[in-house]
């Protein structure tokens, strides 16, 4: 996760927040990562400060503990994305199945209703 965050910051140094999403857990597995107190991208202290930012993530479910979240990241994986802020959003979603032969089948599409501490 540190490597992903450092990579995003190298491309978009003005980003103040990112979102971590567990591969399992839907929106309940999301956590906001605040970057505003990190040193500039490329600074020798960046990796250590990023670890600290991860330890202070804001979880969508308030009683989630960092250690449990990290364990799930290790077991199931996660992604780190830009957190886009604003007033009005739509959030289309799609579920796909990819066969062992690389064939892609669309299972469903829908608009998500966003909520939680980060909206």
PDB file of N, CA and C in Angstrom:
ATOM      1  N   UNK A   1       0.825  -1.182   0.000  1.00  0.00           N
ATOM      2  CA  UNK A   1       0.000   0.000   0.000  1.00  0.00           C
ATOM      3  C   UNK A   1       0.875   1.253   0.000  1.00  0.00           C
ATOM      4  N   UNK A   2       1.975   1.194   0.716  1.00  0.00           N
ATOM      5  CA  UNK A   2       2.890   2.340   0.746  1.00  0.00           C
ATOM      6  C   UNK A   2       3.386   2.635  -0.665  1.00  0.00           C
ATOM      7  N   UNK A   3       3.772   1.606  -1.383  1.00  0.00           N
ATOM      8  CA  UNK A   3       4.266   1.785  -2.745  1.00  0.00           C
ATOM      9  C   UNK A   3       3.200   2.407  -3.645  1.00  0.00           C
ATOM     10  N   UNK A   4       1.955   1.958  -3.504  1.00  0.00           N
ATOM     11  CA  UNK A   4       0.863   2.517  -4.310  1.00  0.00           C
ATOM     12  C   UNK A   4       0.642   3.991  -3.985  1.00  0.00           C
ATOM     13  N   UNK A   5       0.667   4.335  -2.710  1.00  0.00           N
ATOM     14  CA  UNK A   5       0.456   5.724  -2.293  1.00  0.00           C
ATOM     15  C   UNK A   5       1.585   6.608  -2.813  1.00  0.00           C
ATOM     16  N   UNK A   6       2.809   6.156  -2.660  1.00  0.00           N
ATOM     17  CA  UNK A   6       3.964   6.918  -3.147  1.00  0.00           C
ATOM     18  C   UNK A   6       3.846   7.108  -4.664  1.00  0.00           C
ATOM     19  N   UNK A   7       3.385   6.084  -5.370  1.00  0.00           N
ATOM     20  CA  UNK A   7       3.206   6.182  -6.822  1.00  0.00           C
ATOM     21  C   UNK A   7       2.168   7.215  -7.220  1.00  0.00           C
ATOM     22  N   UNK A   8       1.039   7.227  -6.518  1.00  0.00           N
ATOM     23  CA  UNK A   8      -0.001   8.222  -6.803  1.00  0.00           C
ATOM     24  C   UNK A   8       0.525   9.622  -6.524  1.00  0.00           C
ATOM     25  N   UNK A   9       1.215   9.781  -5.410  1.00  0.00           N
ATOM     26  CA  UNK A   9       1.735  11.105  -5.037  1.00  0.00           C
ATOM     27  C   UNK A   9       2.782  11.603  -6.034  1.00  0.00           C
ATOM     28  N   UNK A  10       3.547  10.698  -6.623  1.00  0.00           N
ATOM     29  CA  UNK A  10       4.536  11.100  -7.619  1.00  0.00           C
ATOM     30  C   UNK A  10       3.846  11.688  -8.848  1.00  0.00           C
ATOM     31  N   UNK A  11       2.669  11.135  -9.192  1.00  0.00           N
ATOM     32  CA  UNK A  11       1.923  11.617 -10.351  1.00  0.00           C
ATOM     33  C   UNK A  11       1.038  12.811 -10.027  1.00  0.00           C
ATOM     34  N   UNK A  12       0.501  12.846  -8.804  1.00  0.00           N
ATOM     35  CA  UNK A  12      -0.436  13.902  -8.411  1.00  0.00           C
ATOM     36  C   UNK A  12      -0.056  14.417  -7.028  1.00  0.00           C
ATOM     37  N   UNK A  13       0.999  15.211  -6.944  1.00  0.00           N
ATOM     38  CA  UNK A  13       1.523  15.640  -5.648  1.00  0.00           C
ATOM     39  C   UNK A  13       0.566  16.499  -4.824  1.00  0.00           C
ATOM     40  N   UNK A  14      -0.437  17.092  -5.434  1.00  0.00           N
ATOM     41  CA  UNK A  14      -1.376  17.945  -4.698  1.00  0.00           C
ATOM     42  C   UNK A  14      -2.488  17.142  -4.014  1.00  0.00           C
ATOM     43  N   UNK A  15      -2.583  15.853  -4.275  1.00  0.00           N
ATOM     44  CA  UNK A  15      -3.641  15.031  -3.676  1.00  0.00           C
ATOM     45  C   UNK A  15      -3.536  15.059  -2.160  1.00  0.00           C
ATOM     46  N   UNK A  16      -4.653  15.311  -1.496  1.00  0.00           N
ATOM     47  CA  UNK A  16      -4.672  15.355  -0.030  1.00  0.00           C
ATOM     48  C   UNK A  16      -5.300  14.122   0.593  1.00  0.00           C
ATOM     49  N   UNK A  17      -6.079  13.365  -0.206  1.00  0.00           N
ATOM     50  CA  UNK A  17      -6.730  12.168   0.320  1.00  0.00           C
ATOM     51  C   UNK A  17      -6.757  11.085  -0.751  1.00  0.00           C
ATOM     52  N   UNK A  18      -6.597   9.848  -0.301  1.00  0.00           N
ATOM     53  CA  UNK A  18      -6.784   8.676  -1.136  1.00  0.00           C
ATOM     54  C   UNK A  18      -7.758   7.764  -0.420  1.00  0.00           C
ATOM     55  N   UNK A  19      -8.237   6.749  -1.124  1.00  0.00           N
ATOM     56  CA  UNK A  19      -9.113   5.777  -0.485  1.00  0.00           C
ATOM     57  C   UNK A  19      -8.541   4.380  -0.710  1.00  0.00           C
ATOM     58  N   UNK A  20      -8.515   3.602   0.355  1.00  0.00           N
ATOM     59  CA  UNK A  20      -8.121   2.195   0.276  1.00  0.00           C
ATOM     60  C   UNK A  20      -9.404   1.380   0.240  1.00  0.00           C
ATOM     61  N   UNK A  21      -9.428   0.380  -0.632  1.00  0.00           N
ATOM     62  CA  UNK A  21     -10.611  -0.469  -0.771  1.00  0.00           C
ATOM     63  C   UNK A  21     -10.176  -1.931  -0.690  1.00  0.00           C
ATOM     64  N   UNK A  22     -10.735  -2.644   0.265  1.00  0.00           N
ATOM     65  CA  UNK A  22     -10.453  -4.075   0.366  1.00  0.00           C
ATOM     66  C   UNK A  22     -11.055  -4.790  -0.828  1.00  0.00           C
ATOM     67  N   UNK A  23     -10.408  -5.866  -1.275  1.00  0.00           N
ATOM     68  CA  UNK A  23     -10.965  -6.648  -2.370  1.00  0.00           C
ATOM     69  C   UNK A  23     -12.246  -7.361  -1.964  1.00  0.00           C
ATOM     70  N   UNK A  24     -12.427  -7.601  -0.696  1.00  0.00           N
ATOM     71  CA  UNK A  24     -13.663  -8.190  -0.164  1.00  0.00           C
ATOM     72  C   UNK A  24     -14.225  -7.219   0.861  1.00  0.00           C
ATOM     73  N   UNK A  25     -15.505  -6.948   0.824  1.00  0.00           N
ATOM     74  CA  UNK A  25     -16.079  -6.092   1.853  1.00  0.00           C
ATOM     75  C   UNK A  25     -16.897  -4.935   1.323  1.00  0.00           C
ATOM     76  N   UNK A  26     -16.912  -4.717   0.002  1.00  0.00           N
ATOM     77  CA  UNK A  26     -17.689  -3.619  -0.550  1.00  0.00           C
ATOM     78  C   UNK A  26     -17.292  -2.300   0.088  1.00  0.00           C
ATOM     79  N   UNK A  27     -18.238  -1.378   0.189  1.00  0.00           N
ATOM     80  CA  UNK A  27     -17.973  -0.074   0.792  1.00  0.00           C
ATOM     81  C   UNK A  27     -17.582  -0.161   2.247  1.00  0.00           C
ATOM     82  N   UNK A  28     -17.944  -1.271   2.900  1.00  0.00           N
ATOM     83  CA  UNK A  28     -17.604  -1.431   4.307  1.00  0.00           C
ATOM     84  C   UNK A  28     -16.101  -1.618   4.494  1.00  0.00           C
ATOM     85  N   UNK A  29     -15.410  -1.980   3.422  1.00  0.00           N
ATOM     86  CA  UNK A  29     -13.971  -2.180   3.502  1.00  0.00           C
ATOM     87  C   UNK A  29     -13.177  -0.982   3.028  1.00  0.00           C
ATOM     88  N   UNK A  30     -13.814   0.197   2.988  1.00  0.00           N
ATOM     89  CA  UNK A  30     -13.129   1.403   2.528  1.00  0.00           C
ATOM     90  C   UNK A  30     -12.540   2.180   3.700  1.00  0.00           C
ATOM     91  N   UNK A  31     -11.428   2.863   3.421  1.00  0.00           N
ATOM     92  CA  UNK A  31     -10.797   3.705   4.434  1.00  0.00           C
ATOM     93  C   UNK A  31     -10.133   4.890   3.742  1.00  0.00           C
ATOM     94  N   UNK A  32     -10.291   6.073   4.321  1.00  0.00           N
ATOM     95  CA  UNK A  32      -9.688   7.285   3.778  1.00  0.00           C
ATOM     96  C   UNK A  32      -8.289   7.469   4.352  1.00  0.00           C
ATOM     97  N   UNK A  33      -7.344   7.762   3.468  1.00  0.00           N
ATOM     98  CA  UNK A  33      -5.950   7.996   3.853  1.00  0.00           C
ATOM     99  C   UNK A  33      -5.669   9.482   3.656  1.00  0.00           C
ATOM    100  N   UNK A  34      -5.333  10.163   4.730  1.00  0.00           N
ATOM    101  CA  UNK A  34      -5.057  11.600   4.680  1.00  0.00           C
ATOM    102  C   UNK A  34      -3.573  11.820   4.408  1.00  0.00           C
ATOM    103  N   UNK A  35      -3.286  12.613   3.382  1.00  0.00           N
ATOM    104  CA  UNK A  35      -1.910  12.833   2.938  1.00  0.00           C
ATOM    105  C   UNK A  35      -1.385  14.229   3.250  1.00  0.00           C
ATOM    106  N   UNK A  36      -2.226  15.084   3.811  1.00  0.00           N
ATOM    107  CA  UNK A  36      -1.869  16.496   3.954  1.00  0.00           C
ATOM    108  C   UNK A  36      -0.685  16.749   4.881  1.00  0.00           C
ATOM    109  N   UNK A  37      -0.325  15.796   5.738  1.00  0.00           N
ATOM    110  CA  UNK A  37       0.800  16.007   6.656  1.00  0.00           C
ATOM    111  C   UNK A  37       2.078  15.296   6.208  1.00  0.00           C
ATOM    112  N   UNK A  38       2.047  14.706   5.011  1.00  0.00           N
ATOM    113  CA  UNK A  38       3.228  14.004   4.506  1.00  0.00           C
ATOM    114  C   UNK A  38       4.232  14.996   3.921  1.00  0.00           C
ATOM    115  N   UNK A  39       5.513  14.643   3.968  1.00  0.00           N
ATOM    116  CA  UNK A  39       6.514  15.491   3.314  1.00  0.00           C
ATOM    117  C   UNK A  39       6.295  15.462   1.799  1.00  0.00           C
ATOM    118  N   UNK A  40       6.951  16.329   1.060  1.00  0.00           N
ATOM    119  CA  UNK A  40       6.776  16.356  -0.401  1.00  0.00           C
ATOM    120  C   UNK A  40       7.129  15.002  -1.033  1.00  0.00           C
ATOM    121  N   UNK A  41       6.466  14.661  -2.147  1.00  0.00           N
ATOM    122  CA  UNK A  41       6.802  13.420  -2.849  1.00  0.00           C
ATOM    123  C   UNK A  41       8.289  13.359  -3.169  1.00  0.00           C
ATOM    124  N   UNK A  42       8.878  12.183  -2.946  1.00  0.00           N
ATOM    125  CA  UNK A  42      10.302  11.989  -3.205  1.00  0.00           C
ATOM    126  C   UNK A  42      11.198  12.283  -2.014  1.00  0.00           C
ATOM    127  N   UNK A  43      10.653  12.898  -0.974  1.00  0.00           N
ATOM    128  CA  UNK A  43      11.421  13.197   0.241  1.00  0.00           C
ATOM    129  C   UNK A  43      11.844  11.883   0.897  1.00  0.00           C
ATOM    130  N   UNK A  44      13.008  11.854   1.486  1.00  0.00           N
ATOM    131  CA  UNK A  44      13.509  10.621   2.113  1.00  0.00           C
ATOM    132  C   UNK A  44      12.627  10.143   3.262  1.00  0.00           C
ATOM    133  N   UNK A  45      11.807  11.010   3.827  1.00  0.00           N
ATOM    134  CA  UNK A  45      10.909  10.631   4.935  1.00  0.00           C
ATOM    135  C   UNK A  45       9.534  10.158   4.460  1.00  0.00           C
ATOM    136  N   UNK A  46       9.309  10.185   3.145  1.00  0.00           N
ATOM    137  CA  UNK A  46       7.968   9.905   2.614  1.00  0.00           C
ATOM    138  C   UNK A  46       7.447   8.521   2.990  1.00  0.00           C
ATOM    139  N   UNK A  47       8.239   7.477   2.834  1.00  0.00           N
ATOM    140  CA  UNK A  47       7.756   6.116   3.108  1.00  0.00           C
ATOM    141  C   UNK A  47       7.361   5.961   4.570  1.00  0.00           C
ATOM    142  N   UNK A  48       8.186   6.428   5.494  1.00  0.00           N
ATOM    143  CA  UNK A  48       7.871   6.320   6.923  1.00  0.00           C
ATOM    144  C   UNK A  48       6.618   7.130   7.266  1.00  0.00           C
ATOM    145  N   UNK A  49       6.495   8.313   6.697  1.00  0.00           N
ATOM    146  CA  UNK A  49       5.314   9.142   6.958  1.00  0.00           C
ATOM    147  C   UNK A  49       4.057   8.509   6.365  1.00  0.00           C
ATOM    148  N   UNK A  50       4.219   7.799   5.251  1.00  0.00           N
ATOM    149  CA  UNK A  50       3.084   7.117   4.628  1.00  0.00           C
ATOM    150  C   UNK A  50       2.601   5.971   5.509  1.00  0.00           C
ATOM    151  N   UNK A  51       3.508   5.232   6.114  1.00  0.00           N
ATOM    152  CA  UNK A  51       3.122   4.173   7.053  1.00  0.00           C
ATOM    153  C   UNK A  51       2.302   4.774   8.193  1.00  0.00           C
ATOM    154  N   UNK A  52       2.743   5.904   8.698  1.00  0.00           N
ATOM    155  CA  UNK A  52       2.004   6.575   9.779  1.00  0.00           C
ATOM    156  C   UNK A  52       0.624   7.017   9.300  1.00  0.00           C
ATOM    157  N   UNK A  53       0.528   7.523   8.078  1.00  0.00           N
ATOM    158  CA  UNK A  53      -0.771   7.929   7.533  1.00  0.00           C
ATOM    159  C   UNK A  53      -1.702   6.719   7.421  1.00  0.00           C
ATOM    160  N   UNK A  54      -1.159   5.566   7.039  1.00  0.00           N
ATOM    161  CA  UNK A  54      -1.973   4.348   6.966  1.00  0.00           C
ATOM    162  C   UNK A  54      -2.479   3.945   8.351  1.00  0.00           C
ATOM    163  N   UNK A  55      -1.634   4.085   9.346  1.00  0.00           N
ATOM    164  CA  UNK A  55      -2.032   3.723  10.710  1.00  0.00           C
ATOM    165  C   UNK A  55      -3.125   4.645  11.244  1.00  0.00           C
ATOM    166  N   UNK A  56      -3.298   5.805  10.604  1.00  0.00           N
ATOM    167  CA  UNK A  56      -4.322   6.771  11.026  1.00  0.00           C
ATOM    168  C   UNK A  56      -5.464   6.875  10.025  1.00  0.00           C
ATOM    169  N   UNK A  57      -5.654   5.850   9.189  1.00  0.00           N
ATOM    170  CA  UNK A  57      -6.750   5.862   8.217  1.00  0.00           C
ATOM    171  C   UNK A  57      -8.084   6.060   8.919  1.00  0.00           C
ATOM    172  N   UNK A  58      -9.031   6.677   8.213  1.00  0.00           N
ATOM    173  CA  UNK A  58     -10.397   6.848   8.709  1.00  0.00           C
ATOM    174  C   UNK A  58     -11.246   5.761   8.057  1.00  0.00           C
ATOM    175  N   UNK A  59     -11.687   4.801   8.850  1.00  0.00           N
ATOM    176  CA  UNK A  59     -12.457   3.676   8.336  1.00  0.00           C
ATOM    177  C   UNK A  59     -13.927   4.044   8.199  1.00  0.00           C
ATOM    178  N   UNK A  60     -14.586   3.481   7.183  1.00  0.00           N
ATOM    179  CA  UNK A  60     -16.017   3.718   6.996  1.00  0.00           C
ATOM    180  C   UNK A  60     -16.824   3.170   8.169  1.00  0.00           C
ATOM    181  N   UNK A  61     -16.346   2.086   8.754  1.00  0.00           N
ATOM    182  CA  UNK A  61     -16.981   1.538   9.957  1.00  0.00           C
ATOM    183  C   UNK A  61     -16.096   1.952  11.132  1.00  0.00           C
ATOM    184  N   UNK A  62     -16.606   2.801  12.028  1.00  0.00           N
ATOM    185  CA  UNK A  62     -15.759   3.392  13.076  1.00  0.00           C
ATOM    186  C   UNK A  62     -15.043   2.397  13.985  1.00  0.00           C
ATOM    187  N   UNK A  63     -15.609   1.227  14.239  1.00  0.00           N
ATOM    188  CA  UNK A  63     -14.973   0.314  15.190  1.00  0.00           C
ATOM    189  C   UNK A  63     -13.969  -0.641  14.555  1.00  0.00           C
ATOM    190  N   UNK A  64     -13.651  -0.467  13.273  1.00  0.00           N
ATOM    191  CA  UNK A  64     -12.620  -1.279  12.620  1.00  0.00           C
ATOM    192  C   UNK A  64     -11.263  -0.892  13.197  1.00  0.00           C
ATOM    193  N   UNK A  65     -10.464  -1.877  13.488  1.00  0.00           N
ATOM    194  CA  UNK A  65      -9.112  -1.657  14.013  1.00  0.00           C
ATOM    195  C   UNK A  65      -8.091  -1.817  12.891  1.00  0.00           C
ATOM    196  N   UNK A  66      -7.044  -1.020  12.939  1.00  0.00           N
ATOM    197  CA  UNK A  66      -6.012  -1.023  11.902  1.00  0.00           C
ATOM    198  C   UNK A  66      -5.427  -2.426  11.703  1.00  0.00           C
ATOM    199  N   UNK A  67      -5.116  -3.119  12.779  1.00  0.00           N
ATOM    200  CA  UNK A  67      -4.490  -4.441  12.684  1.00  0.00           C
ATOM    201  C   UNK A  67      -5.400  -5.422  11.946  1.00  0.00           C
ATOM    202  N   UNK A  68      -6.704  -5.383  12.230  1.00  0.00           N
ATOM    203  CA  UNK A  68      -7.653  -6.270  11.552  1.00  0.00           C
ATOM    204  C   UNK A  68      -7.757  -5.915  10.072  1.00  0.00           C
ATOM    205  N   UNK A  69      -7.773  -4.620   9.770  1.00  0.00           N
ATOM    206  CA  UNK A  69      -7.853  -4.161   8.384  1.00  0.00           C
ATOM    207  C   UNK A  69      -6.605  -4.612   7.617  1.00  0.00           C
ATOM    208  N   UNK A  70      -5.441  -4.395   8.202  1.00  0.00           N
ATOM    209  CA  UNK A  70      -4.187  -4.779   7.564  1.00  0.00           C
ATOM    210  C   UNK A  70      -4.139  -6.288   7.327  1.00  0.00           C
ATOM    211  N   UNK A  71      -4.631  -7.058   8.277  1.00  0.00           N
ATOM    212  CA  UNK A  71      -4.684  -8.504   8.118  1.00  0.00           C
ATOM    213  C   UNK A  71      -5.542  -8.883   6.915  1.00  0.00           C
ATOM    214  N   UNK A  72      -6.663  -8.189   6.739  1.00  0.00           N
ATOM    215  CA  UNK A  72      -7.523  -8.478   5.592  1.00  0.00           C
ATOM    216  C   UNK A  72      -6.852  -8.046   4.290  1.00  0.00           C
ATOM    217  N   UNK A  73      -6.110  -6.949   4.321  1.00  0.00           N
ATOM    218  CA  UNK A  73      -5.354  -6.525   3.136  1.00  0.00           C
ATOM    219  C   UNK A  73      -4.361  -7.629   2.754  1.00  0.00           C
ATOM    220  N   UNK A  74      -3.658  -8.160   3.737  1.00  0.00           N
ATOM    221  CA  UNK A  74      -2.658  -9.201   3.485  1.00  0.00           C
ATOM    222  C   UNK A  74      -3.324 -10.465   2.947  1.00  0.00           C
ATOM    223  N   UNK A  75      -4.482 -10.840   3.503  1.00  0.00           N
ATOM    224  CA  UNK A  75      -5.165 -12.069   3.094  1.00  0.00           C
ATOM    225  C   UNK A  75      -5.872 -11.946   1.754  1.00  0.00           C
ATOM    226  N   UNK A  76      -6.584 -10.827   1.528  1.00  0.00           N
ATOM    227  CA  UNK A  76      -7.463 -10.718   0.359  1.00  0.00           C
ATOM    228  C   UNK A  76      -7.020  -9.678  -0.661  1.00  0.00           C
ATOM    229  N   UNK A  77      -6.103  -8.796  -0.276  1.00  0.00           N
ATOM    230  CA  UNK A  77      -5.668  -7.740  -1.178  1.00  0.00           C
ATOM    231  C   UNK A  77      -6.517  -6.485  -1.045  1.00  0.00           C
ATOM    232  N   UNK A  78      -6.032  -5.411  -1.635  1.00  0.00           N
ATOM    233  CA  UNK A  78      -6.722  -4.122  -1.607  1.00  0.00           C
ATOM    234  C   UNK A  78      -6.179  -3.268  -2.738  1.00  0.00           C
ATOM    235  N   UNK A  79      -6.874  -2.172  -3.010  1.00  0.00           N
ATOM    236  CA  UNK A  79      -6.394  -1.187  -3.965  1.00  0.00           C
ATOM    237  C   UNK A  79      -6.392   0.178  -3.290  1.00  0.00           C
ATOM    238  N   UNK A  80      -5.608   1.084  -3.832  1.00  0.00           N
ATOM    239  CA  UNK A  80      -5.579   2.470  -3.367  1.00  0.00           C
ATOM    240  C   UNK A  80      -5.943   3.326  -4.569  1.00  0.00           C
ATOM    241  N   UNK A  81      -6.924   4.218  -4.381  1.00  0.00           N
ATOM    242  CA  UNK A  81      -7.392   5.081  -5.468  1.00  0.00           C
ATOM    243  C   UNK A  81      -7.443   6.520  -5.010  1.00  0.00           C
ATOM    244  N   UNK A  82      -7.551   7.422  -5.990  1.00  0.00           N
ATOM    245  CA  UNK A  82      -7.808   8.815  -5.670  1.00  0.00           C
ATOM    246  C   UNK A  82      -9.175   8.927  -5.009  1.00  0.00           C
ATOM    247  N   UNK A  83      -9.285   9.799  -4.027  1.00  0.00           N
ATOM    248  CA  UNK A  83     -10.593  10.118  -3.445  1.00  0.00           C
ATOM    249  C   UNK A  83     -11.026  11.432  -4.069  1.00  0.00           C
ATOM    250  N   UNK A  84     -12.091  11.371  -4.824  1.00  0.00           N
ATOM    251  CA  UNK A  84     -12.594  12.558  -5.510  1.00  0.00           C
ATOM    252  C   UNK A  84     -13.647  13.205  -4.628  1.00  0.00           C
ATOM    253  N   UNK A  85     -13.480  14.493  -4.352  1.00  0.00           N
ATOM    254  CA  UNK A  85     -14.400  15.216  -3.481  1.00  0.00           C
ATOM    255  C   UNK A  85     -15.283  16.130  -4.315  1.00  0.00           C
ATOM    256  N   UNK A  86     -16.459  16.423  -3.776  1.00  0.00           N
ATOM    257  CA  UNK A  86     -17.378  17.321  -4.460  1.00  0.00           C
ATOM    258  C   UNK A  86     -18.749  17.263  -3.836  1.00  0.00           C
ATOM    259  N   UNK A  87     -19.713  17.835  -4.513  1.00  0.00           N
ATOM    260  CA  UNK A  87     -21.071  17.922  -3.987  1.00  0.00           C
ATOM    261  C   UNK A  87     -21.988  16.812  -4.504  1.00  0.00           C
ATOM    262  N   UNK A  88     -22.000  16.581  -5.812  1.00  0.00           N
ATOM    263  CA  UNK A  88     -22.960  15.646  -6.406  1.00  0.00           C
ATOM    264  C   UNK A  88     -22.209  14.571  -7.184  1.00  0.00           C
ATOM    265  N   UNK A  89     -22.524  13.328  -6.875  1.00  0.00           N
ATOM    266  CA  UNK A  89     -21.857  12.218  -7.522  1.00  0.00           C
ATOM    267  C   UNK A  89     -22.867  11.191  -8.024  1.00  0.00           C
ATOM    268  N   UNK A  90     -22.465  10.483  -9.045  1.00  0.00           N
ATOM    269  CA  UNK A  90     -23.109   9.230  -9.397  1.00  0.00           C
ATOM    270  C   UNK A  90     -22.014   8.185  -9.287  1.00  0.00           C
ATOM    271  N   UNK A  91     -22.402   6.988  -8.992  1.00  0.00           N
ATOM    272  CA  UNK A  91     -21.409   5.938  -8.798  1.00  0.00           C
ATOM    273  C   UNK A  91     -21.857   4.657  -9.494  1.00  0.00           C
ATOM    274  N   UNK A  92     -21.696   4.609 -10.819  1.00  0.00           N
ATOM    275  CA  UNK A  92     -22.066   3.380 -11.518  1.00  0.00           C
ATOM    276  C   UNK A  92     -21.128   2.243 -11.131  1.00  0.00           C
ATOM    277  N   UNK A  93     -21.670   1.046 -11.157  1.00  0.00           N
ATOM    278  CA  UNK A  93     -20.893  -0.129 -10.789  1.00  0.00           C
ATOM    279  C   UNK A  93     -21.241  -1.273 -11.728  1.00  0.00           C
ATOM    280  N   UNK A  94     -20.294  -2.169 -11.904  1.00  0.00           N
ATOM    281  CA  UNK A  94     -20.526  -3.347 -12.735  1.00  0.00           C
ATOM    282  C   UNK A  94     -19.877  -4.554 -12.057  1.00  0.00           C
ATOM    283  N   UNK A  95     -20.532  -5.689 -12.159  1.00  0.00           N
ATOM    284  CA  UNK A  95     -19.943  -6.942 -11.695  1.00  0.00           C
ATOM    285  C   UNK A  95     -19.675  -7.797 -12.925  1.00  0.00           C
ATOM    286  N   UNK A  96     -18.452  -8.313 -12.988  1.00  0.00           N
ATOM    287  CA  UNK A  96     -18.036  -9.147 -14.111  1.00  0.00           C
ATOM    288  C   UNK A  96     -17.533 -10.487 -13.601  1.00  0.00           C
ATOM    289  N   UNK A  97     -17.618 -11.474 -14.436  1.00  0.00           N
ATOM    290  CA  UNK A  97     -17.003 -12.772 -14.149  1.00  0.00           C
ATOM    291  C   UNK A  97     -15.994 -13.024 -15.259  1.00  0.00           C
ATOM    292  N   UNK A  98     -14.789 -13.408 -14.875  1.00  0.00           N
ATOM    293  CA  UNK A  98     -13.748 -13.733 -15.849  1.00  0.00           C
ATOM    294  C   UNK A  98     -13.455 -15.219 -15.711  1.00  0.00           C
ATOM    295  N   UNK A  99     -13.646 -15.958 -16.798  1.00  0.00           N
ATOM    296  CA  UNK A  99     -13.449 -17.409 -16.762  1.00  0.00           C
ATOM    297  C   UNK A  99     -11.961 -17.737 -16.769  1.00  0.00           C
ATOM    298  N   UNK A 100     -11.663 -18.997 -16.551  1.00  0.00           N
ATOM    299  CA  UNK A 100     -10.277 -19.466 -16.606  1.00  0.00           C
ATOM    300  C   UNK A 100      -9.671 -19.260 -17.994  1.00  0.00           C
ATOM    301  N   UNK A 101     -10.526 -19.100 -19.003  1.00  0.00           N
ATOM    302  CA  UNK A 101     -10.070 -18.924 -20.373  1.00  0.00           C
ATOM    303  C   UNK A 101      -9.988 -17.446 -20.766  1.00  0.00           C
ATOM    304  N   UNK A 102     -10.229 -16.553 -19.804  1.00  0.00           N
ATOM    305  CA  UNK A 102     -10.145 -15.119 -20.068  1.00  0.00           C
ATOM    306  C   UNK A 102     -11.405 -14.521 -20.661  1.00  0.00           C
ATOM    307  N   UNK A 103     -12.485 -15.301 -20.714  1.00  0.00           N
ATOM    308  CA  UNK A 103     -13.747 -14.775 -21.242  1.00  0.00           C
ATOM    309  C   UNK A 103     -14.420 -13.930 -20.170  1.00  0.00           C
ATOM    310  N   UNK A 104     -14.940 -12.767 -20.574  1.00  0.00           N
ATOM    311  CA  UNK A 104     -15.563 -11.836 -19.638  1.00  0.00           C
ATOM    312  C   UNK A 104     -17.074 -11.882 -19.831  1.00  0.00           C
ATOM    313  N   UNK A 105     -17.784 -12.063 -18.730  1.00  0.00           N
ATOM    314  CA  UNK A 105     -19.244 -12.081 -18.744  1.00  0.00           C
ATOM    315  C   UNK A 105     -19.750 -10.992 -17.807  1.00  0.00           C
ATOM    316  N   UNK A 106     -20.612 -10.093 -18.311  1.00  0.00           N
ATOM    317  CA  UNK A 106     -21.183  -9.062 -17.456  1.00  0.00           C
ATOM    318  C   UNK A 106     -22.362  -9.679 -16.694  1.00  0.00           C
ATOM    319  N   UNK A 107     -22.312  -9.563 -15.351  1.00  0.00           N
ATOM    320  CA  UNK A 107     -23.363 -10.119 -14.512  1.00  0.00           C
ATOM    321  C   UNK A 107     -24.427  -9.084 -14.188  1.00  0.00           C
ATOM    322  N   UNK A 108     -24.013  -7.855 -13.886  1.00  0.00           N
ATOM    323  CA  UNK A 108     -25.000  -6.829 -13.543  1.00  0.00           C
ATOM    324  C   UNK A 108     -24.367  -5.448 -13.602  1.00  0.00           C
ATOM    325  N   UNK A 109     -25.216  -4.435 -13.689  1.00  0.00           N
ATOM    326  CA  UNK A 109     -24.791  -3.047 -13.557  1.00  0.00           C
ATOM    327  C   UNK A 109     -25.808  -2.355 -12.657  1.00  0.00           C
ATOM    328  N   UNK A 110     -25.368  -1.327 -11.966  1.00  0.00           N
ATOM    329  CA  UNK A 110     -26.288  -0.558 -11.122  1.00  0.00           C
ATOM    330  C   UNK A 110     -25.624   0.744 -10.695  1.00  0.00           C
ATOM    331  N   UNK A 111     -26.438   1.686 -10.254  1.00  0.00           N
ATOM    332  CA  UNK A 111     -25.925   2.921  -9.632  1.00  0.00           C
ATOM    333  C   UNK A 111     -25.908   2.690  -8.137  1.00  0.00           C
ATOM    334  N   UNK A 112     -24.790   2.994  -7.514  1.00  0.00           N
ATOM    335  CA  UNK A 112     -24.654   2.810  -6.081  1.00  0.00           C
ATOM    336  C   UNK A 112     -25.154   4.052  -5.338  1.00  0.00           C
ATOM    337  N   UNK A 113     -25.697   3.829  -4.154  1.00  0.00           N
ATOM    338  CA  UNK A 113     -26.047   4.929  -3.263  1.00  0.00           C
ATOM    339  C   UNK A 113     -24.895   5.070  -2.296  1.00  0.00           C
ATOM    340  N   UNK A 114     -24.271   6.246  -2.314  1.00  0.00           N
ATOM    341  CA  UNK A 114     -23.087   6.477  -1.485  1.00  0.00           C
ATOM    342  C   UNK A 114     -23.482   6.993  -0.109  1.00  0.00           C
ATOM    343  N   UNK A 115     -22.697   6.650   0.891  1.00  0.00           N
ATOM    344  CA  UNK A 115     -22.958   7.104   2.252  1.00  0.00           C
ATOM    345  C   UNK A 115     -21.702   6.955   3.093  1.00  0.00           C
ATOM    346  N   UNK A 116     -21.863   6.863   4.380  1.00  0.00           N
ATOM    347  CA  UNK A 116     -20.735   6.702   5.285  1.00  0.00           C
ATOM    348  C   UNK A 116     -20.070   8.028   5.575  1.00  0.00           C
ATOM    349  N   UNK A 117     -19.030   8.013   6.403  1.00  0.00           N
ATOM    350  CA  UNK A 117     -18.357   9.249   6.827  1.00  0.00           C
ATOM    351  C   UNK A 117     -17.809  10.084   5.671  1.00  0.00           C
ATOM    352  N   UNK A 118     -17.378   9.438   4.587  1.00  0.00           N
ATOM    353  CA  UNK A 118     -16.797  10.194   3.476  1.00  0.00           C
ATOM    354  C   UNK A 118     -17.806  10.452   2.359  1.00  0.00           C
ATOM    355  N   UNK A 119     -19.028   9.966   2.525  1.00  0.00           N
ATOM    356  CA  UNK A 119     -20.041  10.194   1.492  1.00  0.00           C
ATOM    357  C   UNK A 119     -19.883   9.259   0.329  1.00  0.00           C
TER     358      UNK A 119
END
